[in-house]
Amino acid sequence: MSQQNVSIWIWLQFGKIIKAILCPDDGTIRIFDEDDKLILKRTGLNRIQIKQIENNIMKYGAKKLSQHAEPFKFL
């Protein structure tokens, strides 16, 4: 099984922590609230659309987590 190219973004919106998981290989994006409830799931995206979504997420001041970082070390 191969390692997928997954990006995890975390940001604060309306006083709540929001997490987005983007996978350009699958063309999917999943956005979760602070209780890990799925808010949005989108499939069938191409790499350009994933990059545009990442750029929009950065406008909210999101931080991209490293693949090797411990969970929630950014807090």
Protein backbone atom coordinates (compact mmCIF):
# COMPACT_ATOMS: atom_id res chain seq x y z
CA MET A 1 0.00 0.00 0.00
CA SER A 2 1.47 3.34 -1.03
CA GLN A 3 1.64 6.48 1.08
CA GLN A 4 -0.84 9.10 -0.16
CA ASN A 5 -0.07 12.78 -0.42
CA VAL A 6 -2.31 14.13 2.36
CA SER A 7 -2.32 17.70 3.69
CA ILE A 8 -3.82 18.53 7.07
CA TRP A 9 -4.75 22.15 7.79
CA ILE A 10 -5.92 23.60 11.11
CA TRP A 11 -7.39 27.04 11.74
CA LEU A 12 -9.58 28.96 14.15
CA GLN A 13 -12.94 30.17 12.85
CA PHE A 14 -15.69 31.75 14.96
CA GLY A 15 -13.87 30.63 18.11
CA LYS A 16 -13.76 26.97 17.05
CA ILE A 17 -10.94 24.83 15.73
CA ILE A 18 -11.57 23.61 12.18
CA LYS A 19 -9.55 20.84 10.53
CA ALA A 20 -9.32 20.16 6.79
CA ILE A 21 -7.81 17.05 5.22
CA LEU A 22 -6.96 17.40 1.54
CA CYS A 23 -5.80 14.55 -0.69
CA PRO A 24 -4.87 15.55 -4.25
CA ASP A 25 -4.26 11.90 -5.20
CA ASP A 26 -7.91 11.02 -4.48
CA GLY A 27 -9.27 14.48 -5.32
CA THR A 28 -11.01 14.77 -1.95
CA ILE A 29 -11.38 17.34 0.79
CA ARG A 30 -12.94 16.71 4.19
CA ILE A 31 -13.57 19.47 6.73
CA PHE A 32 -14.24 18.66 10.39
CA ASP A 33 -15.25 20.76 13.39
CA GLU A 34 -13.52 20.64 16.77
CA ASP A 35 -15.58 17.59 17.80
CA ASP A 36 -14.40 15.73 14.66
CA LYS A 37 -17.86 15.90 13.12
CA LEU A 38 -17.78 15.99 9.34
CA ILE A 39 -18.91 19.40 8.05
CA LEU A 40 -18.09 19.05 4.36
CA LYS A 41 -16.88 16.29 2.07
CA ARG A 42 -16.10 16.97 -1.56
CA THR A 43 -14.86 14.41 -4.08
CA GLY A 44 -13.90 14.48 -7.74
CA LEU A 45 -11.61 17.52 -7.49
CA ASN A 46 -8.52 17.93 -9.66
CA ARG A 47 -5.11 19.07 -8.41
CA ILE A 48 -5.69 22.67 -9.49
CA GLN A 49 -8.93 22.85 -7.51
CA ILE A 50 -7.22 21.34 -4.44
CA LYS A 51 -4.47 24.00 -4.71
CA GLN A 52 -7.09 26.77 -4.97
CA ILE A 53 -8.83 25.42 -1.87
CA GLU A 54 -5.50 25.40 0.01
CA ASN A 55 -4.92 29.03 -0.99
CA ASN A 56 -8.39 29.98 0.30
CA ILE A 57 -7.80 28.10 3.55
CA MET A 58 -4.54 30.01 4.06
CA LYS A 59 -6.54 33.27 3.95
CA TYR A 60 -8.16 32.18 7.24
CA GLY A 61 -4.71 31.92 8.80
CA ALA A 62 -4.55 28.14 8.69
CA LYS A 63 -1.42 26.23 9.62
CA LYS A 64 -0.33 23.19 7.69
CA LEU A 65 0.66 20.32 9.93
CA SER A 66 3.82 18.40 9.15
CA GLN A 67 3.50 14.70 8.36
CA HIS A 68 5.91 13.99 11.24
CA ALA A 69 4.49 16.40 13.81
CA GLU A 70 2.81 15.12 16.91
CA PRO A 71 -0.96 15.70 16.91
CA PHE A 72 -2.03 19.09 18.26
CA LYS A 73 1.55 20.20 18.94
CA PHE A 74 0.66 23.53 17.28
CA LEU A 75 -1.62 24.44 20.18
